[in-house]
Amino acid sequence: MIIVALVILGLCFGSFVNALVWRLRQQSLTKNKQPAKASDFSISTGRSMCPHCRHRLGTTDLIPVLSWVLLRGRCRYCHTPIGLQYPAVELLVAGLYGLSYVLWPTGLVDVPDRAIFGLWLVALIGLIALVVYDLKWMLLPNRIVFPLTALAGTSALIRVFTSDQPIRALIEVMSAVFIAGGIFYILFQISSGRWIGGGDVKLGFVLGLLLAKPELAFLMLFIASILGLFVSLPALLLKRSNLSSRIPFGPFLISATILVVLFGDSIVHWYMASVLIV
């Protein structure tokens, strides 16, 4: 029953992610202009509308996935095709909510674990929004990154203050933040932003707070690099891109973080037992 509730909640929040990404983009495009109805793009008060004709959507147009299927992927009012992004994001968030509950490494035994799990579910909204935004426009907006920083920081503080060894836990969090974000910051400074973007640096700090352990931060960077290699190498071989082509790295970092949050402890334990065994 809990899984069903989480999946339904994930579908709703997936719909919110799509709206959030579109509204933030519209706000950025009209920042220096005076649109007729600036309030239409407000995240908190704006009404849902078609991204093409701007017609306000009714209740039956807003049912996650189902509305898209019944309308055959088109707007009810202007009949313009609505991309697969919308149901795909809704299903993705719903799947991640369900999988997070099933695969949560601590088993949600005590109150601190449940609090961290709740913060993780909220953080997923921002993380998936960053994935979509970065894939579409190669930007990681601060209006998503900064609230995520607060969520991740709260999660890290809960880990520290509820740990049997708070000093050690604090050192682990600081180490994870340095590994996930500090290394990127050094590369950013050395290359003057040519090797890695400033948004990736800020995202690295956020992910370090979420992971809260240095070994998990290392694992995240490793998996993100492997994912990036698998995606970019075929394009290089097929000459669809070159070494100077820009590739958004945020989606790889976030995908790797999700994998590490759910499977990282098991991977580390397997590695320690199988590879480093004497």
C-alpha atoms as a PDB file:
ATOM      1  CA  MET A   1       0.000   0.000   0.000  1.00  0.00           C
ATOM      2  CA  ILE A   2       2.841   2.380   0.814  1.00  0.00           C
ATOM      3  CA  ILE A   3       4.473   1.659  -2.546  1.00  0.00           C
ATOM      4  CA  VAL A   4       1.226   2.409  -4.391  1.00  0.00           C
ATOM      5  CA  ALA A   5       0.886   5.707  -2.507  1.00  0.00           C
ATOM      6  CA  LEU A   6       4.485   6.625  -3.290  1.00  0.00           C
ATOM      7  CA  VAL A   7       4.060   5.798  -6.978  1.00  0.00           C
ATOM      8  CA  ILE A   8       0.939   7.976  -7.196  1.00  0.00           C
ATOM      9  CA  LEU A   9       2.774  10.730  -5.329  1.00  0.00           C
ATOM     10  CA  GLY A  10       5.696  10.331  -7.712  1.00  0.00           C
ATOM     11  CA  LEU A  11       3.419  10.712 -10.729  1.00  0.00           C
ATOM     12  CA  CYS A  12       2.064  13.965  -9.297  1.00  0.00           C
ATOM     13  CA  PHE A  13       5.521  15.309  -8.480  1.00  0.00           C
ATOM     14  CA  GLY A  14       6.746  14.231 -11.914  1.00  0.00           C
ATOM     15  CA  SER A  15       4.044  16.439 -13.401  1.00  0.00           C
ATOM     16  CA  PHE A  16       5.241  19.226 -11.111  1.00  0.00           C
ATOM     17  CA  VAL A  17       8.823  18.735 -12.368  1.00  0.00           C
ATOM     18  CA  ASN A  18       7.685  19.326 -15.950  1.00  0.00           C
ATOM     19  CA  ALA A  19       5.820  22.468 -14.940  1.00  0.00           C
ATOM     20  CA  LEU A  20       8.736  23.685 -12.819  1.00  0.00           C
ATOM     21  CA  VAL A  21      11.255  23.303 -15.626  1.00  0.00           C
ATOM     22  CA  TRP A  22       9.045  25.063 -18.172  1.00  0.00           C
ATOM     23  CA  ARG A  23       8.137  27.932 -15.835  1.00  0.00           C
ATOM     24  CA  LEU A  24      11.734  28.549 -14.801  1.00  0.00           C
ATOM     25  CA  ARG A  25      12.738  28.663 -18.450  1.00  0.00           C
ATOM     26  CA  GLN A  26       9.969  31.120 -19.301  1.00  0.00           C
ATOM     27  CA  GLN A  27      10.947  33.297 -16.346  1.00  0.00           C
ATOM     28  CA  SER A  28      14.562  33.355 -17.505  1.00  0.00           C
ATOM     29  CA  LEU A  29      13.512  34.311 -21.051  1.00  0.00           C
ATOM     30  CA  THR A  30      11.277  37.167 -19.852  1.00  0.00           C
ATOM     31  CA  LYS A  31      13.564  38.367 -17.055  1.00  0.00           C
ATOM     32  CA  ASN A  32      14.453  41.618 -18.791  1.00  0.00           C
ATOM     33  CA  LYS A  33      11.085  42.061 -20.481  1.00  0.00           C
ATOM     34  CA  GLN A  34       7.619  43.063 -19.315  1.00  0.00           C
ATOM     35  CA  PRO A  35       5.285  40.215 -20.284  1.00  0.00           C
ATOM     36  CA  ALA A  36       1.552  40.884 -20.255  1.00  0.00           C
ATOM     37  CA  LYS A  37       0.988  38.408 -17.436  1.00  0.00           C
ATOM     38  CA  ALA A  38       4.210  37.719 -15.586  1.00  0.00           C
ATOM     39  CA  SER A  39       2.224  35.977 -12.853  1.00  0.00           C
ATOM     40  CA  ASP A  40       1.319  33.229 -15.329  1.00  0.00           C
ATOM     41  CA  PHE A  41       4.844  31.848 -14.987  1.00  0.00           C
ATOM     42  CA  SER A  42       4.857  31.905 -11.183  1.00  0.00           C
ATOM     43  CA  ILE A  43       5.748  28.535  -9.699  1.00  0.00           C
ATOM     44  CA  SER A  44       3.454  29.006  -6.708  1.00  0.00           C
ATOM     45  CA  THR A  45       0.465  30.874  -8.174  1.00  0.00           C
ATOM     46  CA  GLY A  46       0.562  30.365 -11.938  1.00  0.00           C
ATOM     47  CA  ARG A  47      -2.156  28.226 -13.541  1.00  0.00           C
ATOM     48  CA  SER A  48      -1.249  25.175 -15.612  1.00  0.00           C
ATOM     49  CA  MET A  49      -1.247  25.943 -19.329  1.00  0.00           C
ATOM     50  CA  CYS A  50      -0.306  24.459 -22.677  1.00  0.00           C
ATOM     51  CA  PRO A  51       3.344  25.318 -23.408  1.00  0.00           C
ATOM     52  CA  HIS A  52       2.380  26.080 -27.022  1.00  0.00           C
ATOM     53  CA  CYS A  53      -0.940  27.940 -27.132  1.00  0.00           C
ATOM     54  CA  ARG A  54      -0.855  29.011 -23.444  1.00  0.00           C
ATOM     55  CA  HIS A  55      -4.480  27.919 -22.967  1.00  0.00           C
ATOM     56  CA  ARG A  56      -5.235  27.138 -19.338  1.00  0.00           C
ATOM     57  CA  LEU A  57      -5.600  23.435 -18.715  1.00  0.00           C
ATOM     58  CA  GLY A  58      -8.596  21.835 -17.068  1.00  0.00           C
ATOM     59  CA  THR A  59      -8.585  19.163 -14.395  1.00  0.00           C
ATOM     60  CA  THR A  60      -8.981  16.368 -16.933  1.00  0.00           C
ATOM     61  CA  ASP A  61      -5.883  17.621 -18.774  1.00  0.00           C
ATOM     62  CA  LEU A  62      -3.694  17.287 -15.692  1.00  0.00           C
ATOM     63  CA  ILE A  63      -3.943  13.589 -14.806  1.00  0.00           C
ATOM     64  CA  PRO A  64      -0.338  12.325 -14.976  1.00  0.00           C
ATOM     65  CA  VAL A  65       0.379  10.021 -17.946  1.00  0.00           C
ATOM     66  CA  LEU A  66      -3.332   9.167 -18.425  1.00  0.00           C
ATOM     67  CA  SER A  67      -4.241  12.588 -19.835  1.00  0.00           C
ATOM     68  CA  TRP A  68      -1.338  12.383 -22.284  1.00  0.00           C
ATOM     69  CA  VAL A  69      -2.462   8.928 -23.427  1.00  0.00           C
ATOM     70  CA  LEU A  70      -6.141   9.858 -23.778  1.00  0.00           C
ATOM     71  CA  LEU A  71      -5.252  13.000 -25.722  1.00  0.00           C
ATOM     72  CA  ARG A  72      -2.857  10.960 -27.885  1.00  0.00           C
ATOM     73  CA  GLY A  73       0.041  13.210 -26.983  1.00  0.00           C
ATOM     74  CA  ARG A  74      -1.597  16.408 -28.218  1.00  0.00           C
ATOM     75  CA  CYS A  75      -2.987  19.555 -26.650  1.00  0.00           C
ATOM     76  CA  ARG A  76      -6.779  19.432 -26.345  1.00  0.00           C
ATOM     77  CA  TYR A  77      -7.057  23.041 -27.518  1.00  0.00           C
ATOM     78  CA  CYS A  78      -4.427  23.681 -30.207  1.00  0.00           C
ATOM     79  CA  HIS A  79      -3.751  20.009 -31.087  1.00  0.00           C
ATOM     80  CA  THR A  80       0.003  20.623 -31.064  1.00  0.00           C
ATOM     81  CA  PRO A  81       1.988  17.470 -30.211  1.00  0.00           C
ATOM     82  CA  ILE A  82       3.181  17.299 -26.610  1.00  0.00           C
ATOM     83  CA  GLY A  83       6.562  15.609 -26.357  1.00  0.00           C
ATOM     84  CA  LEU A  84       7.316  12.312 -24.652  1.00  0.00           C
ATOM     85  CA  GLN A  85       9.213  14.247 -22.003  1.00  0.00           C
ATOM     86  CA  TYR A  86       6.029  14.812 -20.015  1.00  0.00           C
ATOM     87  CA  PRO A  87       4.871  11.215 -19.414  1.00  0.00           C
ATOM     88  CA  ALA A  88       8.491  10.001 -19.307  1.00  0.00           C
ATOM     89  CA  VAL A  89       9.387  12.344 -16.443  1.00  0.00           C
ATOM     90  CA  GLU A  90       6.190  11.470 -14.576  1.00  0.00           C
ATOM     91  CA  LEU A  91       6.904   7.752 -14.878  1.00  0.00           C
ATOM     92  CA  LEU A  92      10.564   8.262 -13.967  1.00  0.00           C
ATOM     93  CA  VAL A  93       9.796  10.085 -10.719  1.00  0.00           C
ATOM     94  CA  ALA A  94       7.089   7.543  -9.845  1.00  0.00           C
ATOM     95  CA  GLY A  95       9.520   4.676 -10.464  1.00  0.00           C
ATOM     96  CA  LEU A  96      12.245   6.298  -8.405  1.00  0.00           C
ATOM     97  CA  TYR A  97       9.845   6.860  -5.506  1.00  0.00           C
ATOM     98  CA  GLY A  98       8.829   3.214  -5.509  1.00  0.00           C
ATOM     99  CA  LEU A  99      12.376   1.897  -5.957  1.00  0.00           C
ATOM    100  CA  SER A 100      13.735   4.187  -3.244  1.00  0.00           C
ATOM    101  CA  TYR A 101      11.274   2.732  -0.755  1.00  0.00           C
ATOM    102  CA  VAL A 102      12.014  -0.874  -1.746  1.00  0.00           C
ATOM    103  CA  LEU A 103      15.801  -0.487  -1.985  1.00  0.00           C
ATOM    104  CA  TRP A 104      16.475   2.048   0.783  1.00  0.00           C
ATOM    105  CA  PRO A 105      19.724   0.749   2.330  1.00  0.00           C
ATOM    106  CA  THR A 106      18.901   1.402   5.997  1.00  0.00           C
ATOM    107  CA  GLY A 107      15.475  -0.203   5.873  1.00  0.00           C
ATOM    108  CA  LEU A 108      13.685   2.834   7.368  1.00  0.00           C
ATOM    109  CA  VAL A 109      13.936   1.373  10.851  1.00  0.00           C
ATOM    110  CA  ASP A 110      14.172   4.497  12.990  1.00  0.00           C
ATOM    111  CA  VAL A 111      13.024   8.118  12.873  1.00  0.00           C
ATOM    112  CA  PRO A 112      16.282   9.666  11.560  1.00  0.00           C
ATOM    113  CA  ASP A 113      16.349   7.191   8.665  1.00  0.00           C
ATOM    114  CA  ARG A 114      12.755   8.013   7.818  1.00  0.00           C
ATOM    115  CA  ALA A 115      13.500  11.735   7.966  1.00  0.00           C
ATOM    116  CA  ILE A 116      16.475  11.312   5.616  1.00  0.00           C
ATOM    117  CA  PHE A 117      14.306   9.200   3.310  1.00  0.00           C
ATOM    118  CA  GLY A 118      11.647  11.914   3.243  1.00  0.00           C
ATOM    119  CA  LEU A 119      14.249  14.543   2.401  1.00  0.00           C
ATOM    120  CA  TRP A 120      15.567  12.259  -0.343  1.00  0.00           C
ATOM    121  CA  LEU A 121      12.109  12.048  -1.932  1.00  0.00           C
ATOM    122  CA  VAL A 122      11.871  15.839  -1.946  1.00  0.00           C
ATOM    123  CA  ALA A 123      15.432  16.136  -3.278  1.00  0.00           C
ATOM    124  CA  LEU A 124      14.553  13.808  -6.165  1.00  0.00           C
ATOM    125  CA  ILE A 125      12.127  16.438  -7.446  1.00  0.00           C
ATOM    126  CA  GLY A 126      14.936  18.973  -7.756  1.00  0.00           C
ATOM    127  CA  LEU A 127      17.444  16.450  -9.081  1.00  0.00           C
ATOM    128  CA  ILE A 128      15.179  15.277 -11.904  1.00  0.00           C
ATOM    129  CA  ALA A 129      14.284  18.892 -12.701  1.00  0.00           C
ATOM    130  CA  LEU A 130      18.016  19.614 -13.049  1.00  0.00           C
ATOM    131  CA  VAL A 131      18.438  16.597 -15.339  1.00  0.00           C
ATOM    132  CA  VAL A 132      15.667  17.819 -17.651  1.00  0.00           C
ATOM    133  CA  TYR A 133      16.846  21.443 -17.601  1.00  0.00           C
ATOM    134  CA  ASP A 134      20.482  20.534 -18.234  1.00  0.00           C
ATOM    135  CA  LEU A 135      19.617  18.172 -21.092  1.00  0.00           C
ATOM    136  CA  LYS A 136      17.451  20.787 -22.793  1.00  0.00           C
ATOM    137  CA  TRP A 137      19.442  23.972 -22.200  1.00  0.00           C
ATOM    138  CA  MET A 138      22.798  22.909 -20.663  1.00  0.00           C
ATOM    139  CA  LEU A 139      22.192  24.949 -17.527  1.00  0.00           C
ATOM    140  CA  LEU A 140      21.788  24.115 -13.843  1.00  0.00           C
ATOM    141  CA  PRO A 141      19.691  27.007 -12.493  1.00  0.00           C
ATOM    142  CA  ASN A 142      20.456  28.319  -9.023  1.00  0.00           C
ATOM    143  CA  ARG A 143      16.730  28.460  -8.240  1.00  0.00           C
ATOM    144  CA  ILE A 144      16.826  24.673  -8.121  1.00  0.00           C
ATOM    145  CA  VAL A 145      20.384  24.159  -6.891  1.00  0.00           C
ATOM    146  CA  PHE A 146      20.107  26.435  -3.838  1.00  0.00           C
ATOM    147  CA  PRO A 147      16.968  24.796  -2.341  1.00  0.00           C
ATOM    148  CA  LEU A 148      18.603  21.426  -2.992  1.00  0.00           C
ATOM    149  CA  THR A 149      21.619  22.619  -1.024  1.00  0.00           C
ATOM    150  CA  ALA A 150      19.384  23.362   1.959  1.00  0.00           C
ATOM    151  CA  LEU A 151      17.717  19.933   1.709  1.00  0.00           C
ATOM    152  CA  ALA A 152      21.033  18.116   1.357  1.00  0.00           C
ATOM    153  CA  GLY A 153      22.543  20.111   4.214  1.00  0.00           C
ATOM    154  CA  THR A 154      19.605  19.217   6.464  1.00  0.00           C
ATOM    155  CA  SER A 155      20.024  15.548   5.571  1.00  0.00           C
ATOM    156  CA  ALA A 156      23.745  15.724   6.371  1.00  0.00           C
ATOM    157  CA  LEU A 157      23.087  17.414   9.721  1.00  0.00           C
ATOM    158  CA  ILE A 158      20.616  14.689  10.700  1.00  0.00           C
ATOM    159  CA  ARG A 159      23.270  12.081   9.914  1.00  0.00           C
ATOM    160  CA  VAL A 160      25.856  13.901  12.027  1.00  0.00           C
ATOM    161  CA  PHE A 161      23.723  14.651  15.083  1.00  0.00           C
ATOM    162  CA  THR A 162      22.144  11.187  15.232  1.00  0.00           C
ATOM    163  CA  SER A 163      25.393   9.306  14.720  1.00  0.00           C
ATOM    164  CA  ASP A 164      27.044   7.363  17.536  1.00  0.00           C
ATOM    165  CA  GLN A 165      30.269   9.131  16.504  1.00  0.00           C
ATOM    166  CA  PRO A 166      29.226  12.649  15.433  1.00  0.00           C
ATOM    167  CA  ILE A 167      32.789  13.944  14.970  1.00  0.00           C
ATOM    168  CA  ARG A 168      33.611  11.078  12.630  1.00  0.00           C
ATOM    169  CA  ALA A 169      30.319  11.558  10.791  1.00  0.00           C
ATOM    170  CA  LEU A 170      31.080  15.265  10.358  1.00  0.00           C
ATOM    171  CA  ILE A 171      34.531  14.488   8.961  1.00  0.00           C
ATOM    172  CA  GLU A 172      32.967  11.997   6.544  1.00  0.00           C
ATOM    173  CA  VAL A 173      30.459  14.587   5.338  1.00  0.00           C
ATOM    174  CA  MET A 174      33.173  17.211   4.858  1.00  0.00           C
ATOM    175  CA  SER A 175      35.331  14.698   2.994  1.00  0.00           C
ATOM    176  CA  ALA A 176      32.435  13.725   0.726  1.00  0.00           C
ATOM    177  CA  VAL A 177      31.719  17.383  -0.048  1.00  0.00           C
ATOM    178  CA  PHE A 178      35.373  18.007  -0.897  1.00  0.00           C
ATOM    179  CA  ILE A 179      35.569  14.951  -3.149  1.00  0.00           C
ATOM    180  CA  ALA A 180      32.289  15.574  -4.969  1.00  0.00           C
ATOM    181  CA  GLY A 181      32.539  19.366  -5.237  1.00  0.00           C
ATOM    182  CA  GLY A 182      36.024  20.449  -4.204  1.00  0.00           C
ATOM    183  CA  ILE A 183      37.757  18.557  -6.996  1.00  0.00           C
ATOM    184  CA  PHE A 184      35.410  20.134  -9.539  1.00  0.00           C
ATOM    185  CA  TYR A 185      36.093  23.555  -8.031  1.00  0.00           C
ATOM    186  CA  ILE A 186      39.845  23.087  -8.431  1.00  0.00           C
ATOM    187  CA  LEU A 187      39.391  21.975 -12.057  1.00  0.00           C
ATOM    188  CA  PHE A 188      37.095  24.943 -12.683  1.00  0.00           C
ATOM    189  CA  GLN A 189      39.675  27.388 -11.325  1.00  0.00           C
ATOM    190  CA  ILE A 190      42.612  25.827 -13.160  1.00  0.00           C
ATOM    191  CA  SER A 191      40.804  25.785 -16.511  1.00  0.00           C
ATOM    192  CA  SER A 192      38.933  29.073 -16.023  1.00  0.00           C
ATOM    193  CA  GLY A 193      35.696  27.197 -16.624  1.00  0.00           C
ATOM    194  CA  ARG A 194      36.765  25.450 -19.843  1.00  0.00           C
ATOM    195  CA  TRP A 195      36.876  21.905 -18.441  1.00  0.00           C
ATOM    196  CA  ILE A 196      33.815  22.019 -16.234  1.00  0.00           C
ATOM    197  CA  GLY A 197      30.997  24.465 -15.640  1.00  0.00           C
ATOM    198  CA  GLY A 198      30.282  26.415 -12.499  1.00  0.00           C
ATOM    199  CA  GLY A 199      26.880  24.754 -12.216  1.00  0.00           C
ATOM    200  CA  ASP A 200      28.529  21.338 -12.033  1.00  0.00           C
ATOM    201  CA  VAL A 201      30.741  22.603  -9.191  1.00  0.00           C
ATOM    202  CA  LYS A 202      27.725  23.712  -7.155  1.00  0.00           C
ATOM    203  CA  LEU A 203      25.910  20.486  -7.965  1.00  0.00           C
ATOM    204  CA  GLY A 204      28.953  18.515  -6.809  1.00  0.00           C
ATOM    205  CA  PHE A 205      28.788  20.148  -3.379  1.00  0.00           C
ATOM    206  CA  VAL A 206      25.076  19.302  -3.135  1.00  0.00           C
ATOM    207  CA  LEU A 207      25.660  15.670  -4.086  1.00  0.00           C
ATOM    208  CA  GLY A 208      28.493  15.406  -1.578  1.00  0.00           C
ATOM    209  CA  LEU A 209      26.108  16.490   1.176  1.00  0.00           C
ATOM    210  CA  LEU A 210      23.521  13.952   0.043  1.00  0.00           C
ATOM    211  CA  LEU A 211      26.008  11.066  -0.079  1.00  0.00           C
ATOM    212  CA  ALA A 212      27.729  12.096   3.178  1.00  0.00           C
ATOM    213  CA  LYS A 213      30.487   9.468   2.883  1.00  0.00           C
ATOM    214  CA  PRO A 214      33.815   9.865   1.041  1.00  0.00           C
ATOM    215  CA  GLU A 215      33.757   6.357  -0.429  1.00  0.00           C
ATOM    216  CA  LEU A 216      30.284   6.972  -1.853  1.00  0.00           C
ATOM    217  CA  ALA A 217      31.412  10.301  -3.314  1.00  0.00           C
ATOM    218  CA  PHE A 218      34.345   8.567  -5.034  1.00  0.00           C
ATOM    219  CA  LEU A 219      32.004   5.881  -6.343  1.00  0.00           C
ATOM    220  CA  MET A 220      29.594   8.497  -7.660  1.00  0.00           C
ATOM    221  CA  LEU A 221      32.343  10.272  -9.615  1.00  0.00           C
ATOM    222  CA  PHE A 222      33.558   6.958 -11.022  1.00  0.00           C
ATOM    223  CA  ILE A 223      30.097   5.861 -12.176  1.00  0.00           C
ATOM    224  CA  ALA A 224      29.346   9.329 -13.600  1.00  0.00           C
ATOM    225  CA  SER A 225      32.576   9.220 -15.611  1.00  0.00           C
ATOM    226  CA  ILE A 226      31.766   5.744 -16.946  1.00  0.00           C
ATOM    227  CA  LEU A 227      28.244   6.837 -17.919  1.00  0.00           C
ATOM    228  CA  GLY A 228      29.632   9.931 -19.626  1.00  0.00           C
ATOM    229  CA  LEU A 229      32.160   7.835 -21.520  1.00  0.00           C
ATOM    230  CA  PHE A 230      29.537   5.379 -22.759  1.00  0.00           C
ATOM    231  CA  VAL A 231      27.339   8.206 -24.012  1.00  0.00           C
ATOM    232  CA  SER A 232      30.015  10.431 -25.575  1.00  0.00           C
ATOM    233  CA  LEU A 233      32.305   7.781 -27.076  1.00  0.00           C
ATOM    234  CA  PRO A 234      29.848   6.540 -29.752  1.00  0.00           C
ATOM    235  CA  ALA A 235      29.211  10.148 -30.831  1.00  0.00           C
ATOM    236  CA  LEU A 236      32.963  10.716 -31.130  1.00  0.00           C
ATOM    237  CA  LEU A 237      33.461   7.511 -33.127  1.00  0.00           C
ATOM    238  CA  LEU A 238      30.587   8.399 -35.454  1.00  0.00           C
ATOM    239  CA  LYS A 239      31.998  11.942 -35.756  1.00  0.00           C
ATOM    240  CA  ARG A 240      28.753  13.465 -34.519  1.00  0.00           C
ATOM    241  CA  SER A 241      30.774  15.419 -31.980  1.00  0.00           C
ATOM    242  CA  ASN A 242      34.406  16.246 -31.257  1.00  0.00           C
ATOM    243  CA  LEU A 243      36.566  16.740 -28.188  1.00  0.00           C
ATOM    244  CA  SER A 244      35.575  20.387 -27.983  1.00  0.00           C
ATOM    245  CA  SER A 245      31.823  19.653 -28.041  1.00  0.00           C
ATOM    246  CA  ARG A 246      29.914  20.584 -24.920  1.00  0.00           C
ATOM    247  CA  ILE A 247      28.179  17.754 -23.114  1.00  0.00           C
ATOM    248  CA  PRO A 248      25.953  18.355 -20.063  1.00  0.00           C
ATOM    249  CA  PHE A 249      27.582  16.481 -17.189  1.00  0.00           C
ATOM    250  CA  GLY A 250      24.864  17.158 -14.635  1.00  0.00           C
ATOM    251  CA  PRO A 251      22.607  14.275 -15.750  1.00  0.00           C
ATOM    252  CA  PHE A 252      25.504  11.818 -15.388  1.00  0.00           C
ATOM    253  CA  LEU A 253      26.325  13.097 -11.886  1.00  0.00           C
ATOM    254  CA  ILE A 254      22.688  12.877 -10.801  1.00  0.00           C
ATOM    255  CA  SER A 255      22.142   9.431 -12.353  1.00  0.00           C
ATOM    256  CA  ALA A 256      25.279   8.172 -10.615  1.00  0.00           C
ATOM    257  CA  THR A 257      24.146   9.688  -7.313  1.00  0.00           C
ATOM    258  CA  ILE A 258      20.782   7.911  -7.493  1.00  0.00           C
ATOM    259  CA  LEU A 259      22.540   4.606  -8.180  1.00  0.00           C
ATOM    260  CA  VAL A 260      24.992   5.159  -5.330  1.00  0.00           C
ATOM    261  CA  VAL A 261      22.295   6.163  -2.822  1.00  0.00           C
ATOM    262  CA  LEU A 262      20.389   2.946  -3.534  1.00  0.00           C
ATOM    263  CA  PHE A 263      23.255   0.518  -4.222  1.00  0.00           C
ATOM    264  CA  GLY A 264      26.427   2.269  -3.067  1.00  0.00           C
ATOM    265  CA  ASP A 265      26.827   0.598   0.325  1.00  0.00           C
ATOM    266  CA  SER A 266      26.367  -2.844  -1.219  1.00  0.00           C
ATOM    267  CA  ILE A 267      28.916  -2.081  -3.939  1.00  0.00           C
ATOM    268  CA  VAL A 268      31.454  -0.784  -1.433  1.00  0.00           C
ATOM    269  CA  HIS A 269      30.990  -3.804   0.835  1.00  0.00           C
ATOM    270  CA  TRP A 270      31.378  -6.159  -2.133  1.00  0.00           C
ATOM    271  CA  TYR A 271      34.525  -4.355  -3.262  1.00  0.00           C
ATOM    272  CA  MET A 272      36.062  -4.415   0.196  1.00  0.00           C
ATOM    273  CA  ALA A 273      35.308  -8.114   0.617  1.00  0.00           C
ATOM    274  CA  SER A 274      36.195  -9.318  -2.867  1.00  0.00           C
ATOM    275  CA  VAL A 275      38.933  -7.050  -4.170  1.00  0.00           C
ATOM    276  CA  LEU A 276      40.739  -5.855  -1.074  1.00  0.00           C
ATOM    277  CA  ILE A 277      40.589  -9.122   0.822  1.00  0.00           C
ATOM    278  CA  VAL A 278      44.035 -10.268   1.961  1.00  0.00           C
END
